[in-house]
Amino acid sequence: MTISVAVSGASGYAGGEVLRILAAHPDVEIGAITAHSQAGQRLGGIAPHLHALADRVLVDTTVENLAGHDVVFLALPHGASAAVAEQLPESALVIDAGADFRLESAEAWEKFYGTKHAGSWPYGLPELPGQREKLVGAKRIAVPGCYPTGGQLSLAPGFAANLLEPDDVVIVSASGTSGAGKSAKTHLLGAEVMGSMSTYGVGGVHRHIPEMEQGFSKLAGEPVTVSFTPTLAPMPRGILTTATAKVKPGVTEAQLREAWAAAYDNELFVHLLPEGQWPTTGAVQASNHVQLQLAFDTHANRVIVSVALDNLTKGTAGAAVQSMNIALGLEENTGLLMQGVAP
């Protein structure tokens, strides 16, 4: 079976990463490659690492160019996907790497994004309990945000097993600069970033907060409150997340480790490391893999979970391709067999 695929937003980091993965996917034929301001340019001049597609010319992101494919990946700015998606045929599998369809609550969307809610699609994080089944045969899929991927994977086993309190979840993440996109921004200049870390989106305002609360609340069966603080690290890609939550009375360290092991021991891409080994972003760079480790802070009665992932791969494009594979009935790891890159 050959699957025809179109990729929008191909001049950006997320769209380029989708193309990098699809170029090695044995069942995919890459059709239209689209962009907006960069339309008409040769892809090799914008993404010189994509050798197999270097001579392809970017075309305009129009419904006419995207339609007629089995699968359409939308790697567009937040708020731009909905208008395109509603015009694409229902027969096509549409996978949105933006935020437009991640949130189920219209109120949460309007509060954090300030525009009209477009609706919600099946959520493309199959490692969450019960989520993989929702992707089988789906025709519309919303890819998680990069921060919520690590954030939710960090504590999901504890909430699913009813081991964690819902009212005091604290998550801090350090992300590489590619998470901010490819547009020129003064605070992302090399002279500003090299040798320096910074904090942003502080005080409960970051747009990924309701996405994490949505996922945790479903697992816990009650509202979960998340305090989330992102930081910018002097590296091009990767996310290191530290998540903590209060442990319910009587819960032991053995119970915690058993819950995380039960959740992830059979997963292809999420790895609970042996005790004493802690995740690093370098170990998962350019791969669809996630590393986790946990500890029980008995002094503060909190579980502490460290998670490392590549924000562009498992945090975006890898999750999109993984979700495509599940939706179409392919082996879940098809095209995603790459290991991490070191050093």
Protein backbone atom coordinates (compact mmCIF):
# COMPACT_ATOMS: atom_id res chain seq x y z
CA MET A 1 0.00 0.00 0.00
CA THR A 2 1.38 3.38 -1.02
CA ILE A 3 0.03 6.37 0.88
CA SER A 4 0.03 9.78 -0.78
CA VAL A 5 0.87 12.52 1.68
CA ALA A 6 0.81 16.32 1.57
CA VAL A 7 2.69 18.47 4.09
CA SER A 8 1.80 22.10 4.75
CA GLY A 9 4.04 24.56 6.54
CA ALA A 10 7.04 22.72 5.16
CA SER A 11 9.38 25.69 5.47
CA GLY A 12 9.04 25.69 9.28
CA TYR A 13 10.74 23.44 11.80
CA ALA A 14 7.72 21.21 12.45
CA GLY A 15 6.85 20.77 8.77
CA GLY A 16 10.49 20.12 7.93
CA GLU A 17 10.69 17.47 10.63
CA VAL A 18 7.58 15.76 9.26
CA LEU A 19 9.28 15.62 5.86
CA ARG A 20 12.51 14.26 7.37
CA ILE A 21 10.60 11.35 8.86
CA LEU A 22 8.33 10.72 5.88
CA ALA A 23 11.31 10.63 3.51
CA ALA A 24 12.32 7.35 5.18
CA HIS A 25 8.80 5.94 5.54
CA PRO A 26 8.51 2.85 3.30
CA ASP A 27 4.78 3.20 2.66
CA VAL A 28 4.63 6.92 1.86
CA GLU A 29 4.79 8.89 -1.37
CA ILE A 30 5.27 12.59 -0.66
CA GLY A 31 3.00 14.74 -2.80
CA ALA A 32 2.41 18.47 -2.34
CA ILE A 33 4.87 20.32 -0.12
CA THR A 34 3.39 23.71 0.73
CA ALA A 35 4.31 26.97 2.42
CA HIS A 36 3.07 30.55 2.57
CA SER A 37 5.70 33.27 2.32
CA GLN A 38 8.34 30.80 1.05
CA ALA A 39 6.17 29.38 -1.74
CA GLY A 40 8.01 29.17 -5.04
CA GLN A 41 11.35 28.45 -3.43
CA ARG A 42 13.37 25.27 -3.74
CA LEU A 43 13.15 23.18 -0.56
CA GLY A 44 16.88 22.47 -0.57
CA GLY A 45 17.59 26.16 -0.15
CA ILE A 46 15.45 26.31 3.00
CA ALA A 47 16.04 22.86 4.48
CA PRO A 48 19.38 21.69 3.04
CA HIS A 49 19.40 18.60 5.28
CA LEU A 50 16.46 17.11 3.33
CA HIS A 51 18.62 15.77 0.48
CA ALA A 52 16.01 13.42 -0.97
CA LEU A 53 13.59 16.33 -1.44
CA ALA A 54 16.07 19.12 -2.15
CA ASP A 55 14.86 19.83 -5.70
CA ARG A 56 11.17 19.99 -4.80
CA VAL A 57 9.60 23.44 -5.10
CA LEU A 58 7.25 24.68 -2.37
CA VAL A 59 3.74 25.51 -3.56
CA ASP A 60 1.10 27.70 -1.97
CA THR A 61 -0.82 26.36 1.02
CA THR A 62 -4.21 26.10 -0.63
CA VAL A 63 -6.98 23.56 -0.30
CA GLU A 64 -6.56 22.72 -3.98
CA ASN A 65 -2.91 21.78 -3.46
CA LEU A 66 -3.57 19.77 -0.30
CA ALA A 67 -6.68 17.92 -1.47
CA GLY A 68 -6.38 14.68 -3.41
CA HIS A 69 -3.98 13.06 -0.93
CA ASP A 70 -4.63 10.18 1.45
CA VAL A 71 -3.05 12.08 4.34
CA VAL A 72 -2.58 15.81 4.96
CA PHE A 73 -0.24 17.10 7.66
CA LEU A 74 -1.00 20.64 8.81
CA ALA A 75 2.04 22.33 10.35
CA LEU A 76 0.53 25.80 10.46
CA PRO A 77 0.45 28.58 13.07
CA HIS A 78 -2.10 28.20 15.86
CA GLY A 79 -5.51 29.28 14.64
CA ALA A 80 -4.75 28.70 10.96
CA SER A 81 -5.53 24.99 10.67
CA ALA A 82 -9.28 25.05 11.26
CA ALA A 83 -10.14 27.07 8.15
CA VAL A 84 -8.08 24.75 5.96
CA ALA A 85 -9.24 21.52 7.60
CA GLU A 86 -12.94 22.23 7.19
CA GLN A 87 -12.48 22.41 3.41
CA LEU A 88 -10.56 19.15 3.08
CA PRO A 89 -12.50 16.00 2.12
CA GLU A 90 -13.75 13.78 4.93
CA SER A 91 -12.08 10.82 3.23
CA ALA A 92 -8.60 12.26 3.87
CA LEU A 93 -6.75 11.67 7.11
CA VAL A 94 -5.91 15.16 8.41
CA ILE A 95 -3.30 15.47 11.15
CA ASP A 96 -2.92 18.88 12.76
CA ALA A 97 0.38 19.71 14.45
CA GLY A 98 -1.07 23.00 15.69
CA ALA A 99 -3.25 23.64 18.72
CA ASP A 100 -6.59 24.22 17.00
CA PHE A 101 -8.25 20.92 17.90
CA ARG A 102 -6.46 19.82 21.09
CA LEU A 103 -8.79 21.28 23.69
CA GLU A 104 -12.27 19.95 24.38
CA SER A 105 -13.33 23.00 26.40
CA ALA A 106 -14.40 26.02 24.37
CA GLU A 107 -14.03 28.14 27.49
CA ALA A 108 -10.41 27.07 28.00
CA TRP A 109 -9.60 27.67 24.33
CA GLU A 110 -11.06 31.17 24.32
CA LYS A 111 -9.31 32.04 27.59
CA PHE A 112 -5.83 30.96 26.50
CA TYR A 113 -6.00 31.55 22.72
CA GLY A 114 -8.50 34.38 22.45
CA THR A 115 -10.35 33.15 19.37
CA LYS A 116 -13.43 31.04 18.65
CA HIS A 117 -13.11 27.36 19.49
CA ALA A 118 -12.95 25.13 16.39
CA GLY A 119 -13.79 21.88 18.17
CA SER A 120 -11.71 18.90 19.24
CA TRP A 121 -10.24 15.88 17.47
CA PRO A 122 -8.86 12.57 18.78
CA TYR A 123 -5.65 13.32 20.66
CA GLY A 124 -2.46 11.93 19.17
CA LEU A 125 -0.67 10.72 22.29
CA PRO A 126 -1.27 6.95 22.14
CA GLU A 127 0.72 6.24 25.31
CA LEU A 128 -2.03 7.78 27.45
CA PRO A 129 -4.37 5.08 28.82
CA GLY A 130 -7.23 4.42 26.42
CA GLN A 131 -5.98 6.85 23.80
CA ARG A 132 -4.48 4.46 21.26
CA GLU A 133 -7.87 2.86 20.57
CA LYS A 134 -9.36 6.26 19.73
CA LEU A 135 -6.81 6.76 16.93
CA VAL A 136 -7.55 3.51 15.08
CA GLY A 137 -9.39 4.42 11.89
CA ALA A 138 -9.58 8.11 12.82
CA LYS A 139 -9.81 10.67 10.01
CA ARG A 140 -8.92 13.72 12.09
CA ILE A 141 -6.12 13.78 14.70
CA ALA A 142 -4.77 16.59 16.88
CA VAL A 143 -1.07 16.24 17.67
CA PRO A 144 -0.20 17.19 21.29
CA GLY A 145 1.93 20.18 22.15
CA CYS A 146 5.59 19.45 22.82
CA TYR A 147 5.46 20.53 26.48
CA PRO A 148 2.22 18.61 27.19
CA THR A 149 3.74 15.46 25.69
CA GLY A 150 6.46 15.30 28.32
CA GLY A 151 4.25 16.82 30.99
CA GLN A 152 1.45 14.28 30.60
CA LEU A 153 3.72 11.26 30.15
CA SER A 154 5.50 12.24 33.36
CA LEU A 155 2.54 11.87 35.73
CA ALA A 156 -0.14 10.01 33.74
CA PRO A 157 0.60 6.62 35.34
CA GLY A 158 0.16 8.08 38.83
CA PHE A 159 -3.18 9.67 38.08
CA ALA A 160 -4.44 6.61 36.21
CA ALA A 161 -3.57 4.44 39.24
CA ASN A 162 -5.15 6.91 41.73
CA LEU A 163 -1.85 7.47 43.52
CA LEU A 164 -1.56 11.27 43.23
CA GLU A 165 -3.35 14.26 44.71
CA PRO A 166 -4.97 16.50 42.08
CA ASP A 167 -4.46 19.95 43.60
CA ASP A 168 -0.72 20.60 43.67
CA VAL A 169 0.95 19.55 40.42
CA VAL A 170 4.08 21.52 39.53
CA ILE A 171 5.80 21.14 36.15
CA VAL A 172 8.91 22.97 34.98
CA SER A 173 10.32 22.38 31.49
CA ALA A 174 13.46 23.51 29.71
CA SER A 175 13.11 23.63 25.92
CA GLY A 176 15.46 24.16 23.02
CA THR A 177 14.96 27.27 20.93
CA SER A 178 13.36 25.44 17.98
CA GLY A 179 10.23 25.18 20.10
CA ALA A 180 9.64 28.88 19.42
CA GLY A 181 9.45 28.33 15.67
CA LYS A 182 11.57 29.54 12.79
CA SER A 183 10.48 33.17 12.59
CA ALA A 184 13.19 35.70 13.47
CA LYS A 185 12.89 36.89 17.07
CA THR A 186 15.36 39.10 18.93
CA HIS A 187 15.35 37.01 22.11
CA LEU A 188 16.33 33.93 20.08
CA LEU A 189 19.44 35.45 18.51
CA GLY A 190 22.58 33.46 19.18
CA ALA A 191 24.07 36.33 21.16
CA GLU A 192 21.00 36.31 23.43
CA VAL A 193 20.69 32.55 23.90
CA MET A 194 24.22 31.16 24.00
CA GLY A 195 25.37 30.58 27.56
CA SER A 196 22.11 31.84 29.02
CA MET A 197 18.79 30.41 30.23
CA SER A 198 15.58 32.38 30.63
CA THR A 199 12.05 31.94 31.91
CA TYR A 200 8.88 32.94 30.08
CA GLY A 201 5.11 32.38 30.17
CA VAL A 202 5.16 32.64 33.97
CA GLY A 203 2.14 32.80 36.28
CA GLY A 204 -0.41 30.40 34.83
CA VAL A 205 -0.62 32.01 31.39
CA HIS A 206 1.11 29.49 29.13
CA ARG A 207 -1.21 28.03 26.49
CA HIS A 208 -0.22 24.44 27.21
CA ILE A 209 -1.60 24.49 30.76
CA PRO A 210 -5.23 23.58 29.86
CA GLU A 211 -3.98 20.78 27.61
CA MET A 212 -2.11 19.15 30.49
CA GLU A 213 -4.97 19.69 32.92
CA GLN A 214 -7.38 18.15 30.41
CA GLY A 215 -5.31 14.98 30.11
CA PHE A 216 -4.67 14.58 33.84
CA SER A 217 -8.27 15.30 34.80
CA LYS A 218 -9.57 12.57 32.51
CA LEU A 219 -7.22 10.04 34.08
CA ALA A 220 -7.86 11.15 37.65
CA GLY A 221 -11.64 11.36 37.26
CA GLU A 222 -11.59 14.79 38.92
CA PRO A 223 -10.19 18.26 38.12
CA VAL A 224 -6.40 18.49 38.30
CA THR A 225 -4.65 21.84 38.71
CA VAL A 226 -1.25 22.36 37.09
CA SER A 227 1.31 25.07 37.76
CA PHE A 228 3.54 25.14 34.69
CA THR A 229 6.68 27.18 34.06
CA PRO A 230 8.63 26.92 30.79
CA THR A 231 12.24 27.93 30.40
CA LEU A 232 14.40 28.47 27.33
CA ALA A 233 17.65 26.50 27.23
CA PRO A 234 20.72 27.26 25.06
CA MET A 235 20.26 24.26 22.76
CA PRO A 236 18.51 23.93 19.40
CA ARG A 237 16.16 21.05 20.25
CA GLY A 238 15.01 18.91 23.13
CA ILE A 239 12.89 19.25 26.28
CA LEU A 240 13.77 18.25 29.82
CA THR A 241 10.72 18.25 32.09
CA THR A 242 10.65 17.96 35.87
CA ALA A 243 7.16 17.19 37.20
CA THR A 244 6.14 16.78 40.83
CA ALA A 245 2.88 15.95 42.59
CA LYS A 246 1.76 15.09 46.11
CA VAL A 247 1.39 11.39 46.80
CA LYS A 248 -1.80 10.15 48.43
CA PRO A 249 -1.56 8.86 52.01
CA GLY A 250 -0.13 5.39 52.36
CA VAL A 251 1.35 5.19 48.86
CA THR A 252 4.82 3.63 48.79
CA GLU A 253 7.78 4.07 46.46
CA ALA A 254 7.29 0.48 45.28
CA GLN A 255 3.70 1.26 44.27
CA LEU A 256 4.84 4.31 42.34
CA ARG A 257 7.49 2.42 40.41
CA GLU A 258 5.11 -0.45 39.72
CA ALA A 259 2.54 1.96 38.28
CA TRP A 260 5.02 3.63 35.94
CA ALA A 261 6.50 0.28 34.89
CA ALA A 262 3.05 -1.15 34.17
CA ALA A 263 2.21 1.89 32.05
CA TYR A 264 5.35 1.94 29.93
CA ASP A 265 7.12 -1.44 29.96
CA ASN A 266 5.36 -2.51 26.74
CA GLU A 267 5.55 0.85 24.98
CA LEU A 268 7.76 1.15 21.91
CA PHE A 269 8.91 4.71 22.49
CA VAL A 270 8.56 5.52 26.20
CA HIS A 271 11.27 4.11 28.45
CA LEU A 272 11.36 4.05 32.25
CA LEU A 273 15.09 3.92 32.93
CA PRO A 274 16.72 1.58 35.48
CA GLU A 275 16.90 3.02 38.98
CA GLY A 276 19.77 5.48 39.33
CA GLN A 277 19.88 6.46 35.64
CA TRP A 278 18.37 9.83 34.74
CA PRO A 279 17.11 11.12 31.37
CA THR A 280 19.14 13.41 29.14
CA THR A 281 17.98 15.32 26.09
CA GLY A 282 21.06 14.20 24.18
CA ALA A 283 20.03 10.56 24.44
CA VAL A 284 16.74 11.12 22.58
CA GLN A 285 17.82 13.78 20.11
CA ALA A 286 16.26 13.38 16.63
CA SER A 287 14.35 10.28 17.77
CA ASN A 288 10.76 9.46 18.68
CA HIS A 289 11.88 8.05 22.02
CA VAL A 290 11.15 9.37 25.51
CA GLN A 291 13.17 8.67 28.64
CA LEU A 292 11.72 8.85 32.17
CA GLN A 293 12.90 8.38 35.72
CA LEU A 294 11.13 8.89 39.03
CA ALA A 295 11.96 9.32 42.69
CA PHE A 296 9.85 9.49 45.85
CA ASP A 297 10.73 12.52 47.96
CA THR A 298 9.52 11.22 51.33
CA HIS A 299 10.51 14.46 53.05
CA ALA A 300 8.02 16.45 50.95
CA ASN A 301 5.72 13.46 50.21
CA ARG A 302 6.01 14.10 46.48
CA VAL A 303 6.83 12.02 43.45
CA ILE A 304 9.41 13.65 41.17
CA VAL A 305 9.54 12.58 37.54
CA SER A 306 12.15 13.64 34.99
CA VAL A 307 11.33 13.29 31.29
CA ALA A 308 13.47 13.90 28.20
CA LEU A 309 12.19 14.08 24.64
CA ASP A 310 12.97 15.77 21.34
CA ASN A 311 10.45 18.60 20.94
CA LEU A 312 10.46 18.36 17.13
CA THR A 313 10.23 14.56 16.89
CA LYS A 314 8.20 12.93 19.65
CA GLY A 315 7.01 16.41 20.63
CA THR A 316 5.56 17.10 17.17
CA ALA A 317 6.38 15.35 13.90
CA GLY A 318 7.16 11.91 15.27
CA ALA A 319 3.88 11.86 17.16
CA ALA A 320 2.12 12.91 13.96
CA VAL A 321 3.60 10.03 11.95
CA GLN A 322 3.06 7.59 14.82
CA SER A 323 -0.60 8.62 14.92
CA MET A 324 -0.87 8.25 11.14
CA ASN A 325 0.47 4.71 11.38
CA ILE A 326 -2.09 3.77 14.01
CA ALA A 327 -4.98 5.39 12.14
CA LEU A 328 -4.12 3.57 8.92
CA GLY A 329 -3.46 0.19 10.51
CA LEU A 330 0.30 0.19 9.89
CA GLU A 331 2.90 -1.01 12.34
CA GLU A 332 3.13 1.81 14.88
CA ASN A 333 6.89 2.27 14.55
CA THR A 334 7.00 2.31 10.73
CA GLY A 335 9.34 5.08 9.63
CA LEU A 336 10.24 5.80 13.26
CA LEU A 337 13.01 3.32 13.90
CA MET A 338 15.74 5.95 14.24
CA GLN A 339 17.65 5.91 17.50
CA GLY A 340 19.02 8.94 19.33
CA VAL A 341 22.07 10.83 18.10
CA ALA A 342 25.23 11.05 20.21
CA PRO A 343 27.30 13.01 20.89
